[in-house]
Every structure is written in C-alpha cells, then in structure tokens.
Amino acid sequence: MRIKWSPVAVMNTADELEDQVEKIIKPLEKAKMAAKKALEIPNLPGYVKYRFNAFIFEIEKIIGGAELTGHTMENGLYRSYTYTNDGTLKSKIADIRKEVPDDALKEARTQPELLKRGAK
C-alpha cells in the first residue's frame, strides 16, 4: 500500500529542523556556562543555587547532557536526572526520521512524480 504523504518532504523538514537546532546550541551552551558561573557567587543561598541548577538542567535536557529518569537520593540530596549524550530536540528529530519507511523514501527519490510531492 502506497503512502499518501511525501517521505521526501518529511526528510527535508527533518534536515531543516536539524539545521535550526544547530544554530541555537551555542547560545544555549553560553547561557548554561553563565548559570554555572553564577553558582560560584559567594554566600549564594541554596534556594537560589537550586534555581540555577534547574536552569542548567533544562538546557541540558534540550541540547544534551541530562535526561529526566526519576528521583534518586545521593549523599543526602535528591537527584532527578542521569546524564546522556542526546538532547531532546535531536532525539525528537531522530524519532521523526524513524517514521519514514525506507522503501517509501527510496521509491519517492527514484520516481520524479513522487519527488515533486516532496519538493520545497
């Protein structure tokens, strides 16, 4: 059964998403570094450190470095993450790509009338 949507258009959009995500990674890394530097402010109360750490965690979820997995107790402190190399944005783009059947993509790329459906 032939799909009615364009696998080429989906893959082109995934490529575009990847390009845009790459553009925002460096600014988010700079923001993360600024938040980490703020943790060094002398006499910073724990409740303010918590907010900076939460900010760092959110950036790491997006660009890579942290993943929500539940809560564990370590040295008397709650930890609600484990480290990973994938960020949620790149992971979601990979999920989009997985939904495109390989055979449908090959067929669309080799048949001009199908390729037109996916043209940008």
PDB file of N, CA and C in Angstrom:
ATOM      1  N   MET A   1       0.845  -1.191   0.000  1.00  0.00           N
ATOM      2  CA  MET A   1       0.000   0.000   0.000  1.00  0.00           C
ATOM      3  C   MET A   1       0.884   1.245   0.000  1.00  0.00           C
ATOM      4  N   ARG A   2       0.639   2.105  -0.912  1.00  0.00           N
ATOM      5  CA  ARG A   2       1.433   3.318  -1.069  1.00  0.00           C
ATOM      6  C   ARG A   2       0.977   4.382  -0.071  1.00  0.00           C
ATOM      7  N   ILE A   3       1.946   5.083   0.527  1.00  0.00           N
ATOM      8  CA  ILE A   3       1.588   6.155   1.455  1.00  0.00           C
ATOM      9  C   ILE A   3       1.149   7.384   0.668  1.00  0.00           C
ATOM     10  N   LYS A   4       0.315   8.218   1.273  1.00  0.00           N
ATOM     11  CA  LYS A   4      -0.230   9.378   0.582  1.00  0.00           C
ATOM     12  C   LYS A   4       0.552  10.653   0.886  1.00  0.00           C
ATOM     13  N   TRP A   5       1.420  10.603   1.868  1.00  0.00           N
ATOM     14  CA  TRP A   5       2.215  11.780   2.205  1.00  0.00           C
ATOM     15  C   TRP A   5       3.613  11.616   1.630  1.00  0.00           C
ATOM     16  N   SER A   6       4.346  12.709   1.571  1.00  0.00           N
ATOM     17  CA  SER A   6       5.656  12.687   0.932  1.00  0.00           C
ATOM     18  C   SER A   6       6.774  12.404   1.940  1.00  0.00           C
ATOM     19  N   PRO A   7       7.413  11.243   1.832  1.00  0.00           N
ATOM     20  CA  PRO A   7       8.548  10.957   2.712  1.00  0.00           C
ATOM     21  C   PRO A   7       9.710  11.911   2.461  1.00  0.00           C
ATOM     22  N   VAL A   8       9.856  12.393   1.228  1.00  0.00           N
ATOM     23  CA  VAL A   8      10.928  13.334   0.905  1.00  0.00           C
ATOM     24  C   VAL A   8      10.692  14.653   1.637  1.00  0.00           C
ATOM     25  N   ALA A   9       9.450  15.124   1.643  1.00  0.00           N
ATOM     26  CA  ALA A   9       9.134  16.365   2.349  1.00  0.00           C
ATOM     27  C   ALA A   9       9.408  16.227   3.848  1.00  0.00           C
ATOM     28  N   VAL A  10       9.084  15.078   4.407  1.00  0.00           N
ATOM     29  CA  VAL A  10       9.338  14.839   5.831  1.00  0.00           C
ATOM     30  C   VAL A  10      10.839  14.867   6.105  1.00  0.00           C
ATOM     31  N   MET A  11      11.629  14.197   5.274  1.00  0.00           N
ATOM     32  CA  MET A  11      13.077  14.173   5.471  1.00  0.00           C
ATOM     33  C   MET A  11      13.694  15.552   5.242  1.00  0.00           C
ATOM     34  N   ASN A  12      13.186  16.286   4.257  1.00  0.00           N
ATOM     35  CA  ASN A  12      13.678  17.655   4.045  1.00  0.00           C
ATOM     36  C   ASN A  12      13.391  18.531   5.257  1.00  0.00           C
ATOM     37  N   THR A  13      12.216  18.366   5.833  1.00  0.00           N
ATOM     38  CA  THR A  13      11.868  19.136   7.017  1.00  0.00           C
ATOM     39  C   THR A  13      12.739  18.729   8.206  1.00  0.00           C
ATOM     40  N   ALA A  14      13.012  17.441   8.344  1.00  0.00           N
ATOM     41  CA  ALA A  14      13.901  16.979   9.415  1.00  0.00           C
ATOM     42  C   ALA A  14      15.292  17.592   9.248  1.00  0.00           C
ATOM     43  N   ASP A  15      15.769  17.684   8.011  1.00  0.00           N
ATOM     44  CA  ASP A  15      17.062  18.334   7.744  1.00  0.00           C
ATOM     45  C   ASP A  15      17.026  19.799   8.166  1.00  0.00           C
ATOM     46  N   GLU A  16      15.940  20.477   7.836  1.00  0.00           N
ATOM     47  CA  GLU A  16      15.795  21.889   8.195  1.00  0.00           C
ATOM     48  C   GLU A  16      15.748  22.057   9.720  1.00  0.00           C
ATOM     49  N   LEU A  17      15.020  21.175  10.396  1.00  0.00           N
ATOM     50  CA  LEU A  17      14.969  21.227  11.861  1.00  0.00           C
ATOM     51  C   LEU A  17      16.363  21.051  12.456  1.00  0.00           C
ATOM     52  N   GLU A  18      17.116  20.107  11.912  1.00  0.00           N
ATOM     53  CA  GLU A  18      18.481  19.875  12.383  1.00  0.00           C
ATOM     54  C   GLU A  18      19.341  21.123  12.211  1.00  0.00           C
ATOM     55  N   ASP A  19      19.233  21.770  11.062  1.00  0.00           N
ATOM     56  CA  ASP A  19      19.994  22.996  10.811  1.00  0.00           C
ATOM     57  C   ASP A  19      19.644  24.082  11.827  1.00  0.00           C
ATOM     58  N   GLN A  20      18.358  24.250  12.099  1.00  0.00           N
ATOM     59  CA  GLN A  20      17.933  25.280  13.051  1.00  0.00           C
ATOM     60  C   GLN A  20      18.375  24.956  14.469  1.00  0.00           C
ATOM     61  N   VAL A  21      18.310  23.702  14.853  1.00  0.00           N
ATOM     62  CA  VAL A  21      18.740  23.287  16.198  1.00  0.00           C
ATOM     63  C   VAL A  21      20.233  23.560  16.369  1.00  0.00           C
ATOM     64  N   GLU A  22      21.018  23.278  15.342  1.00  0.00           N
ATOM     65  CA  GLU A  22      22.466  23.535  15.421  1.00  0.00           C
ATOM     66  C   GLU A  22      22.754  25.012  15.687  1.00  0.00           C
ATOM     67  N   LYS A  23      21.923  25.902  15.163  1.00  0.00           N
ATOM     68  CA  LYS A  23      22.118  27.336  15.347  1.00  0.00           C
ATOM     69  C   LYS A  23      21.863  27.785  16.788  1.00  0.00           C
ATOM     70  N   ILE A  24      21.020  27.067  17.515  1.00  0.00           N
ATOM     71  CA  ILE A  24      20.696  27.509  18.874  1.00  0.00           C
ATOM     72  C   ILE A  24      21.542  26.832  19.954  1.00  0.00           C
ATOM     73  N   ILE A  25      22.321  25.833  19.583  1.00  0.00           N
ATOM     74  CA  ILE A  25      23.092  25.106  20.594  1.00  0.00           C
ATOM     75  C   ILE A  25      24.149  25.991  21.249  1.00  0.00           C
ATOM     76  N   LYS A  26      24.932  26.723  20.472  1.00  0.00           N
ATOM     77  CA  LYS A  26      25.998  27.553  21.060  1.00  0.00           C
ATOM     78  C   LYS A  26      25.447  28.614  22.011  1.00  0.00           C
ATOM     79  N   PRO A  27      24.400  29.363  21.634  1.00  0.00           N
ATOM     80  CA  PRO A  27      23.854  30.331  22.599  1.00  0.00           C
ATOM     81  C   PRO A  27      23.340  29.671  23.888  1.00  0.00           C
ATOM     82  N   LEU A  28      22.739  28.479  23.762  1.00  0.00           N
ATOM     83  CA  LEU A  28      22.280  27.789  24.964  1.00  0.00           C
ATOM     84  C   LEU A  28      23.447  27.310  25.816  1.00  0.00           C
ATOM     85  N   GLU A  29      24.544  26.884  25.171  1.00  0.00           N
ATOM     86  CA  GLU A  29      25.739  26.497  25.932  1.00  0.00           C
ATOM     87  C   GLU A  29      26.317  27.693  26.674  1.00  0.00           C
ATOM     88  N   LYS A  30      26.296  28.878  26.054  1.00  0.00           N
ATOM     89  CA  LYS A  30      26.775  30.097  26.723  1.00  0.00           C
ATOM     90  C   LYS A  30      25.902  30.430  27.927  1.00  0.00           C
ATOM     91  N   ALA A  31      24.593  30.288  27.764  1.00  0.00           N
ATOM     92  CA  ALA A  31      23.680  30.541  28.883  1.00  0.00           C
ATOM     93  C   ALA A  31      23.942  29.555  30.019  1.00  0.00           C
ATOM     94  N   LYS A  32      24.193  28.312  29.671  1.00  0.00           N
ATOM     95  CA  LYS A  32      24.491  27.291  30.687  1.00  0.00           C
ATOM     96  C   LYS A  32      25.768  27.639  31.441  1.00  0.00           C
ATOM     97  N   MET A  33      26.792  28.084  30.721  1.00  0.00           N
ATOM     98  CA  MET A  33      28.052  28.463  31.365  1.00  0.00           C
ATOM     99  C   MET A  33      27.857  29.657  32.295  1.00  0.00           C
ATOM    100  N   ALA A  34      27.036  30.619  31.894  1.00  0.00           N
ATOM    101  CA  ALA A  34      26.755  31.772  32.752  1.00  0.00           C
ATOM    102  C   ALA A  34      26.068  31.323  34.038  1.00  0.00           C
ATOM    103  N   ALA A  35      25.136  30.387  33.918  1.00  0.00           N
ATOM    104  CA  ALA A  35      24.439  29.876  35.101  1.00  0.00           C
ATOM    105  C   ALA A  35      25.409  29.101  36.001  1.00  0.00           C
ATOM    106  N   LYS A  36      26.315  28.330  35.399  1.00  0.00           N
ATOM    107  CA  LYS A  36      27.302  27.594  36.190  1.00  0.00           C
ATOM    108  C   LYS A  36      28.229  28.559  36.929  1.00  0.00           C
ATOM    109  N   LYS A  37      28.602  29.641  36.269  1.00  0.00           N
ATOM    110  CA  LYS A  37      29.461  30.652  36.896  1.00  0.00           C
ATOM    111  C   LYS A  37      28.726  31.300  38.065  1.00  0.00           C
ATOM    112  N   ALA A  38      27.425  31.501  37.921  1.00  0.00           N
ATOM    113  CA  ALA A  38      26.637  32.104  38.997  1.00  0.00           C
ATOM    114  C   ALA A  38      26.647  31.238  40.251  1.00  0.00           C
ATOM    115  N   LEU A  39      26.816  29.944  40.090  1.00  0.00           N
ATOM    116  CA  LEU A  39      26.875  29.042  41.251  1.00  0.00           C
ATOM    117  C   LEU A  39      28.091  29.320  42.122  1.00  0.00           C
ATOM    118  N   GLU A  40      29.085  30.032  41.588  1.00  0.00           N
ATOM    119  CA  GLU A  40      30.292  30.369  42.328  1.00  0.00           C
ATOM    120  C   GLU A  40      30.161  31.671  43.113  1.00  0.00           C
ATOM    121  N   ILE A  41      29.035  32.355  43.022  1.00  0.00           N
ATOM    122  CA  ILE A  41      28.825  33.602  43.767  1.00  0.00           C
ATOM    123  C   ILE A  41      28.934  33.298  45.259  1.00  0.00           C
ATOM    124  N   PRO A  42      29.802  34.027  45.966  1.00  0.00           N
ATOM    125  CA  PRO A  42      29.980  33.762  47.401  1.00  0.00           C
ATOM    126  C   PRO A  42      28.678  33.914  48.185  1.00  0.00           C
ATOM    127  N   ASN A  43      28.490  33.013  49.117  1.00  0.00           N
ATOM    128  CA  ASN A  43      27.348  33.034  50.046  1.00  0.00           C
ATOM    129  C   ASN A  43      25.993  32.927  49.347  1.00  0.00           C
ATOM    130  N   LEU A  44      25.965  32.351  48.190  1.00  0.00           N
ATOM    131  CA  LEU A  44      24.715  32.191  47.448  1.00  0.00           C
ATOM    132  C   LEU A  44      23.829  31.199  48.195  1.00  0.00           C
ATOM    133  N   PRO A  45      22.622  31.594  48.547  1.00  0.00           N
ATOM    134  CA  PRO A  45      21.748  30.672  49.284  1.00  0.00           C
ATOM    135  C   PRO A  45      21.385  29.443  48.460  1.00  0.00           C
ATOM    136  N   GLY A  46      21.148  28.348  49.138  1.00  0.00           N
ATOM    137  CA  GLY A  46      20.808  27.091  48.485  1.00  0.00           C
ATOM    138  C   GLY A  46      19.590  27.185  47.601  1.00  0.00           C
ATOM    139  N   TYR A  47      18.586  27.955  48.012  1.00  0.00           N
ATOM    140  CA  TYR A  47      17.371  28.039  47.208  1.00  0.00           C
ATOM    141  C   TYR A  47      17.616  28.775  45.896  1.00  0.00           C
ATOM    142  N   VAL A  48      18.605  29.673  45.845  1.00  0.00           N
ATOM    143  CA  VAL A  48      18.965  30.347  44.598  1.00  0.00           C
ATOM    144  C   VAL A  48      19.819  29.404  43.741  1.00  0.00           C
ATOM    145  N   LYS A  49      20.736  28.659  44.375  1.00  0.00           N
ATOM    146  CA  LYS A  49      21.525  27.662  43.654  1.00  0.00           C
ATOM    147  C   LYS A  49      20.603  26.644  42.992  1.00  0.00           C
ATOM    148  N   TYR A  50      19.555  26.266  43.705  1.00  0.00           N
ATOM    149  CA  TYR A  50      18.582  25.318  43.161  1.00  0.00           C
ATOM    150  C   TYR A  50      18.005  25.842  41.844  1.00  0.00           C
ATOM    151  N   ARG A  51      17.678  27.131  41.806  1.00  0.00           N
ATOM    152  CA  ARG A  51      17.088  27.721  40.589  1.00  0.00           C
ATOM    153  C   ARG A  51      18.086  27.725  39.436  1.00  0.00           C
ATOM    154  N   PHE A  52      19.352  28.054  39.734  1.00  0.00           N
ATOM    155  CA  PHE A  52      20.371  27.999  38.673  1.00  0.00           C
ATOM    156  C   PHE A  52      20.574  26.568  38.186  1.00  0.00           C
ATOM    157  N   ASN A  53      20.621  25.621  39.105  1.00  0.00           N
ATOM    158  CA  ASN A  53      20.776  24.218  38.715  1.00  0.00           C
ATOM    159  C   ASN A  53      19.592  23.738  37.883  1.00  0.00           C
ATOM    160  N   ALA A  54      18.398  24.182  38.213  1.00  0.00           N
ATOM    161  CA  ALA A  54      17.215  23.814  37.435  1.00  0.00           C
ATOM    162  C   ALA A  54      17.317  24.381  36.019  1.00  0.00           C
ATOM    163  N   PHE A  55      17.834  25.600  35.907  1.00  0.00           N
ATOM    164  CA  PHE A  55      18.031  26.225  34.604  1.00  0.00           C
ATOM    165  C   PHE A  55      19.037  25.424  33.781  1.00  0.00           C
ATOM    166  N   ILE A  56      20.151  25.049  34.398  1.00  0.00           N
ATOM    167  CA  ILE A  56      21.190  24.252  33.737  1.00  0.00           C
ATOM    168  C   ILE A  56      20.607  22.919  33.275  1.00  0.00           C
ATOM    169  N   PHE A  57      19.833  22.299  34.138  1.00  0.00           N
ATOM    170  CA  PHE A  57      19.221  21.012  33.811  1.00  0.00           C
ATOM    171  C   PHE A  57      18.314  21.122  32.585  1.00  0.00           C
ATOM    172  N   GLU A  58      17.515  22.186  32.519  1.00  0.00           N
ATOM    173  CA  GLU A  58      16.607  22.360  31.378  1.00  0.00           C
ATOM    174  C   GLU A  58      17.381  22.514  30.075  1.00  0.00           C
ATOM    175  N   ILE A  59      18.475  23.260  30.114  1.00  0.00           N
ATOM    176  CA  ILE A  59      19.296  23.404  28.906  1.00  0.00           C
ATOM    177  C   ILE A  59      19.893  22.057  28.514  1.00  0.00           C
ATOM    178  N   GLU A  60      20.396  21.308  29.509  1.00  0.00           N
ATOM    179  CA  GLU A  60      20.990  20.008  29.224  1.00  0.00           C
ATOM    180  C   GLU A  60      19.969  19.030  28.658  1.00  0.00           C
ATOM    181  N   LYS A  61      18.735  19.121  29.100  1.00  0.00           N
ATOM    182  CA  LYS A  61      17.693  18.264  28.513  1.00  0.00           C
ATOM    183  C   LYS A  61      17.523  18.577  27.031  1.00  0.00           C
ATOM    184  N   ILE A  62      17.568  19.849  26.686  1.00  0.00           N
ATOM    185  CA  ILE A  62      17.323  20.273  25.316  1.00  0.00           C
ATOM    186  C   ILE A  62      18.492  19.954  24.399  1.00  0.00           C
ATOM    187  N   ILE A  63      19.723  20.302  24.815  1.00  0.00           N
ATOM    188  CA  ILE A  63      20.869  20.158  23.911  1.00  0.00           C
ATOM    189  C   ILE A  63      21.696  18.906  24.162  1.00  0.00           C
ATOM    190  N   GLY A  64      21.429  18.222  25.241  1.00  0.00           N
ATOM    191  CA  GLY A  64      22.186  17.025  25.577  1.00  0.00           C
ATOM    192  C   GLY A  64      22.918  17.203  26.888  1.00  0.00           C
ATOM    193  N   GLY A  65      22.996  16.140  27.623  1.00  0.00           N
ATOM    194  CA  GLY A  65      23.709  16.183  28.884  1.00  0.00           C
ATOM    195  C   GLY A  65      22.885  15.670  30.038  1.00  0.00           C
ATOM    196  N   ALA A  66      21.571  15.822  29.993  1.00  0.00           N
ATOM    197  CA  ALA A  66      20.728  15.346  31.090  1.00  0.00           C
ATOM    198  C   ALA A  66      19.439  14.770  30.535  1.00  0.00           C
ATOM    199  N   GLU A  67      18.882  13.844  31.274  1.00  0.00           N
ATOM    200  CA  GLU A  67      17.623  13.224  30.882  1.00  0.00           C
ATOM    201  C   GLU A  67      16.835  12.920  32.154  1.00  0.00           C
ATOM    202  N   LEU A  68      15.594  13.283  32.168  1.00  0.00           N
ATOM    203  CA  LEU A  68      14.748  13.010  33.315  1.00  0.00           C
ATOM    204  C   LEU A  68      14.490  11.517  33.421  1.00  0.00           C
ATOM    205  N   THR A  69      14.804  10.939  34.582  1.00  0.00           N
ATOM    206  CA  THR A  69      14.600   9.499  34.748  1.00  0.00           C
ATOM    207  C   THR A  69      13.912   9.161  36.065  1.00  0.00           C
ATOM    208  N   GLY A  70      13.648  10.118  36.886  1.00  0.00           N
ATOM    209  CA  GLY A  70      13.064   9.854  38.193  1.00  0.00           C
ATOM    210  C   GLY A  70      13.910  10.483  39.278  1.00  0.00           C
ATOM    211  N   HIS A  71      13.639  10.133  40.526  1.00  0.00           N
ATOM    212  CA  HIS A  71      14.365  10.732  41.638  1.00  0.00           C
ATOM    213  C   HIS A  71      15.174   9.669  42.362  1.00  0.00           C
ATOM    214  N   THR A  72      16.413  10.011  42.679  1.00  0.00           N
ATOM    215  CA  THR A  72      17.259   9.144  43.492  1.00  0.00           C
ATOM    216  C   THR A  72      17.887   9.987  44.590  1.00  0.00           C
ATOM    217  N   MET A  73      18.328   9.352  45.621  1.00  0.00           N
ATOM    218  CA  MET A  73      18.958  10.061  46.732  1.00  0.00           C
ATOM    219  C   MET A  73      20.449   9.740  46.708  1.00  0.00           C
ATOM    220  N   GLU A  74      21.284  10.781  46.670  1.00  0.00           N
ATOM    221  CA  GLU A  74      22.731  10.604  46.696  1.00  0.00           C
ATOM    222  C   GLU A  74      23.320  11.590  47.685  1.00  0.00           C
ATOM    223  N   ASN A  75      24.043  11.084  48.667  1.00  0.00           N
ATOM    224  CA  ASN A  75      24.691  11.929  49.674  1.00  0.00           C
ATOM    225  C   ASN A  75      23.717  12.909  50.320  1.00  0.00           C
ATOM    226  N   GLY A  76      22.522  12.447  50.584  1.00  0.00           N
ATOM    227  CA  GLY A  76      21.523  13.292  51.229  1.00  0.00           C
ATOM    228  C   GLY A  76      20.831  14.279  50.314  1.00  0.00           C
ATOM    229  N   LEU A  77      21.110  14.230  49.016  1.00  0.00           N
ATOM    230  CA  LEU A  77      20.492  15.152  48.063  1.00  0.00           C
ATOM    231  C   LEU A  77      19.661  14.378  47.060  1.00  0.00           C
ATOM    232  N   TYR A  78      18.523  14.945  46.684  1.00  0.00           N
ATOM    233  CA  TYR A  78      17.706  14.331  45.639  1.00  0.00           C
ATOM    234  C   TYR A  78      18.288  14.674  44.286  1.00  0.00           C
ATOM    235  N   ARG A  79      18.374  13.690  43.423  1.00  0.00           N
ATOM    236  CA  ARG A  79      18.802  13.898  42.042  1.00  0.00           C
ATOM    237  C   ARG A  79      17.681  13.396  41.151  1.00  0.00           C
ATOM    238  N   SER A  80      17.315  14.212  40.162  1.00  0.00           N
ATOM    239  CA  SER A  80      16.199  13.823  39.299  1.00  0.00           C
ATOM    240  C   SER A  80      16.641  13.676  37.850  1.00  0.00           C
ATOM    241  N   TYR A  81      17.885  13.256  37.650  1.00  0.00           N
ATOM    242  CA  TYR A  81      18.351  13.096  36.288  1.00  0.00           C
ATOM    243  C   TYR A  81      19.534  12.140  36.239  1.00  0.00           C
ATOM    244  N   THR A  82      19.801  11.662  35.034  1.00  0.00           N
ATOM    245  CA  THR A  82      21.020  10.932  34.734  1.00  0.00           C
ATOM    246  C   THR A  82      21.592  11.569  33.476  1.00  0.00           C
ATOM    247  N   TYR A  83      22.850  11.376  33.236  1.00  0.00           N
ATOM    248  CA  TYR A  83      23.466  12.005  32.075  1.00  0.00           C
ATOM    249  C   TYR A  83      23.344  11.150  30.830  1.00  0.00           C
ATOM    250  N   THR A  84      23.183  11.799  29.721  1.00  0.00           N
ATOM    251  CA  THR A  84      23.089  11.154  28.418  1.00  0.00           C
ATOM    252  C   THR A  84      23.734  12.073  27.387  1.00  0.00           C
ATOM    253  N   ASN A  85      24.031  11.565  26.218  1.00  0.00           N
ATOM    254  CA  ASN A  85      24.632  12.383  25.170  1.00  0.00           C
ATOM    255  C   ASN A  85      23.602  13.053  24.276  1.00  0.00           C
ATOM    256  N   ASP A  86      22.382  12.558  24.253  1.00  0.00           N
ATOM    257  CA  ASP A  86      21.364  13.082  23.348  1.00  0.00           C
ATOM    258  C   ASP A  86      20.525  14.152  24.027  1.00  0.00           C
ATOM    259  N   GLY A  87      20.223  15.193  23.301  1.00  0.00           N
ATOM    260  CA  GLY A  87      19.271  16.183  23.770  1.00  0.00           C
ATOM    261  C   GLY A  87      17.896  15.840  23.251  1.00  0.00           C
ATOM    262  N   THR A  88      16.885  16.413  23.870  1.00  0.00           N
ATOM    263  CA  THR A  88      15.524  16.089  23.454  1.00  0.00           C
ATOM    264  C   THR A  88      15.232  16.533  22.031  1.00  0.00           C
ATOM    265  N   LEU A  89      15.777  17.669  21.605  1.00  0.00           N
ATOM    266  CA  LEU A  89      15.491  18.138  20.248  1.00  0.00           C
ATOM    267  C   LEU A  89      16.050  17.187  19.201  1.00  0.00           C
ATOM    268  N   LYS A  90      17.304  16.800  19.348  1.00  0.00           N
ATOM    269  CA  LYS A  90      17.906  15.869  18.383  1.00  0.00           C
ATOM    270  C   LYS A  90      17.216  14.508  18.446  1.00  0.00           C
ATOM    271  N   SER A  91      16.830  14.116  19.634  1.00  0.00           N
ATOM    272  CA  SER A  91      16.131  12.841  19.797  1.00  0.00           C
ATOM    273  C   SER A  91      14.780  12.862  19.084  1.00  0.00           C
ATOM    274  N   LYS A  92      14.071  13.965  19.189  1.00  0.00           N
ATOM    275  CA  LYS A  92      12.763  14.076  18.526  1.00  0.00           C
ATOM    276  C   LYS A  92      12.908  14.103  17.003  1.00  0.00           C
ATOM    277  N   ILE A  93      13.973  14.732  16.507  1.00  0.00           N
ATOM    278  CA  ILE A  93      14.223  14.727  15.061  1.00  0.00           C
ATOM    279  C   ILE A  93      14.509  13.301  14.595  1.00  0.00           C
ATOM    280  N   ALA A  94      15.291  12.570  15.376  1.00  0.00           N
ATOM    281  CA  ALA A  94      15.578  11.167  15.037  1.00  0.00           C
ATOM    282  C   ALA A  94      14.289  10.348  15.026  1.00  0.00           C
ATOM    283  N   ASP A  95      13.383  10.636  15.971  1.00  0.00           N
ATOM    284  CA  ASP A  95      12.092   9.932  16.004  1.00  0.00           C
ATOM    285  C   ASP A  95      11.279  10.208  14.738  1.00  0.00           C
ATOM    286  N   ILE A  96      11.321  11.453  14.264  1.00  0.00           N
ATOM    287  CA  ILE A  96      10.613  11.805  13.026  1.00  0.00           C
ATOM    288  C   ILE A  96      11.182  10.989  11.865  1.00  0.00           C
ATOM    289  N   ARG A  97      12.499  10.941  11.769  1.00  0.00           N
ATOM    290  CA  ARG A  97      13.148  10.205  10.684  1.00  0.00           C
ATOM    291  C   ARG A  97      12.788   8.716  10.712  1.00  0.00           C
ATOM    292  N   LYS A  98      12.650   8.148  11.899  1.00  0.00           N
ATOM    293  CA  LYS A  98      12.325   6.723  12.033  1.00  0.00           C
ATOM    294  C   LYS A  98      10.937   6.396  11.495  1.00  0.00           C
ATOM    295  N   GLU A  99      10.056   7.376  11.450  1.00  0.00           N
ATOM    296  CA  GLU A  99       8.687   7.155  10.981  1.00  0.00           C
ATOM    297  C   GLU A  99       8.577   7.064   9.463  1.00  0.00           C
ATOM    298  N   VAL A 100       9.650   7.423   8.771  1.00  0.00           N
ATOM    299  CA  VAL A 100       9.628   7.384   7.306  1.00  0.00           C
ATOM    300  C   VAL A 100      10.096   6.004   6.849  1.00  0.00           C
ATOM    301  N   PRO A 101       9.216   5.249   6.196  1.00  0.00           N
ATOM    302  CA  PRO A 101       9.615   3.920   5.713  1.00  0.00           C
ATOM    303  C   PRO A 101      10.731   4.034   4.668  1.00  0.00           C
ATOM    304  N   ASP A 102      11.784   3.245   4.847  1.00  0.00           N
ATOM    305  CA  ASP A 102      12.930   3.284   3.924  1.00  0.00           C
ATOM    306  C   ASP A 102      12.516   3.014   2.481  1.00  0.00           C
ATOM    307  N   ASP A 103      11.668   2.020   2.297  1.00  0.00           N
ATOM    308  CA  ASP A 103      11.270   1.681   0.926  1.00  0.00           C
ATOM    309  C   ASP A 103      10.457   2.802   0.274  1.00  0.00           C
ATOM    310  N   ALA A 104       9.617   3.477   1.051  1.00  0.00           N
ATOM    311  CA  ALA A 104       8.832   4.588   0.501  1.00  0.00           C
ATOM    312  C   ALA A 104       9.738   5.763   0.143  1.00  0.00           C
ATOM    313  N   LEU A 105      10.756   5.993   0.970  1.00  0.00           N
ATOM    314  CA  LEU A 105      11.696   7.076   0.692  1.00  0.00           C
ATOM    315  C   LEU A 105      12.490   6.780  -0.577  1.00  0.00           C
ATOM    316  N   LYS A 106      12.972   5.548  -0.717  1.00  0.00           N
ATOM    317  CA  LYS A 106      13.711   5.153  -1.922  1.00  0.00           C
ATOM    318  C   LYS A 106      12.840   5.295  -3.157  1.00  0.00           C
ATOM    319  N   GLU A 107      11.606   4.850  -3.056  1.00  0.00           N
ATOM    320  CA  GLU A 107      10.687   4.933  -4.193  1.00  0.00           C
ATOM    321  C   GLU A 107      10.429   6.388  -4.569  1.00  0.00           C
ATOM    322  N   ALA A 108      10.203   7.231  -3.567  1.00  0.00           N
ATOM    323  CA  ALA A 108       9.923   8.642  -3.841  1.00  0.00           C
ATOM    324  C   ALA A 108      11.122   9.340  -4.465  1.00  0.00           C
ATOM    325  N   ARG A 109      12.316   8.949  -4.067  1.00  0.00           N
ATOM    326  CA  ARG A 109      13.526   9.583  -4.612  1.00  0.00           C
ATOM    327  C   ARG A 109      13.850   9.120  -6.029  1.00  0.00           C
ATOM    328  N   THR A 110      13.329   7.991  -6.427  1.00  0.00           N
ATOM    329  CA  THR A 110      13.643   7.469  -7.766  1.00  0.00           C
ATOM    330  C   THR A 110      12.537   7.725  -8.782  1.00  0.00           C
ATOM    331  N   GLN A 111      11.377   8.164  -8.333  1.00  0.00           N
ATOM    332  CA  GLN A 111      10.265   8.400  -9.250  1.00  0.00           C
ATOM    333  C   GLN A 111       9.936   9.888  -9.272  1.00  0.00           C
ATOM    334  N   PRO A 112      10.199  10.573 -10.372  1.00  0.00           N
ATOM    335  CA  PRO A 112      10.035  12.026 -10.463  1.00  0.00           C
ATOM    336  C   PRO A 112       8.660  12.537 -10.027  1.00  0.00           C
ATOM    337  N   GLU A 113       7.592  11.797 -10.361  1.00  0.00           N
ATOM    338  CA  GLU A 113       6.244  12.285  -9.994  1.00  0.00           C
ATOM    339  C   GLU A 113       6.038  12.264  -8.481  1.00  0.00           C
ATOM    340  N   LEU A 114       6.680  11.336  -7.801  1.00  0.00           N
ATOM    341  CA  LEU A 114       6.595  11.285  -6.341  1.00  0.00           C
ATOM    342  C   LEU A 114       7.513  12.321  -5.715  1.00  0.00           C
ATOM    343  N   LEU A 115       8.637  12.583  -6.343  1.00  0.00           N
ATOM    344  CA  LEU A 115       9.600  13.545  -5.832  1.00  0.00           C
ATOM    345  C   LEU A 115       9.005  14.951  -5.822  1.00  0.00           C
ATOM    346  N   LYS A 116       8.159  15.267  -6.809  1.00  0.00           N
ATOM    347  CA  LYS A 116       7.523  16.585  -6.876  1.00  0.00           C
ATOM    348  C   LYS A 116       6.675  16.855  -5.648  1.00  0.00           C
ATOM    349  N   ARG A 117       6.036  15.831  -5.101  1.00  0.00           N
ATOM    350  CA  ARG A 117       5.226  15.998  -3.893  1.00  0.00           C
ATOM    351  C   ARG A 117       6.055  16.489  -2.710  1.00  0.00           C
ATOM    352  N   GLY A 118       7.333  16.095  -2.688  1.00  0.00           N
ATOM    353  CA  GLY A 118       8.179  16.443  -1.558  1.00  0.00           C
ATOM    354  C   GLY A 118       9.073  17.628  -1.796  1.00  0.00           C
ATOM    355  N   ALA A 119       8.961  18.270  -2.959  1.00  0.00           N
ATOM    356  CA  ALA A 119       9.837  19.403  -3.263  1.00  0.00           C
ATOM    357  C   ALA A 119       9.505  20.590  -2.385  1.00  0.00           C
ATOM    358  N   LYS A 120      10.545  21.316  -2.032  1.00  0.00           N
ATOM    359  CA  LYS A 120      10.350  22.536  -1.225  1.00  0.00           C
ATOM    360  C   LYS A 120      10.222  23.725  -2.129  1.00  0.00           C
TER     361      LYS A 120
END
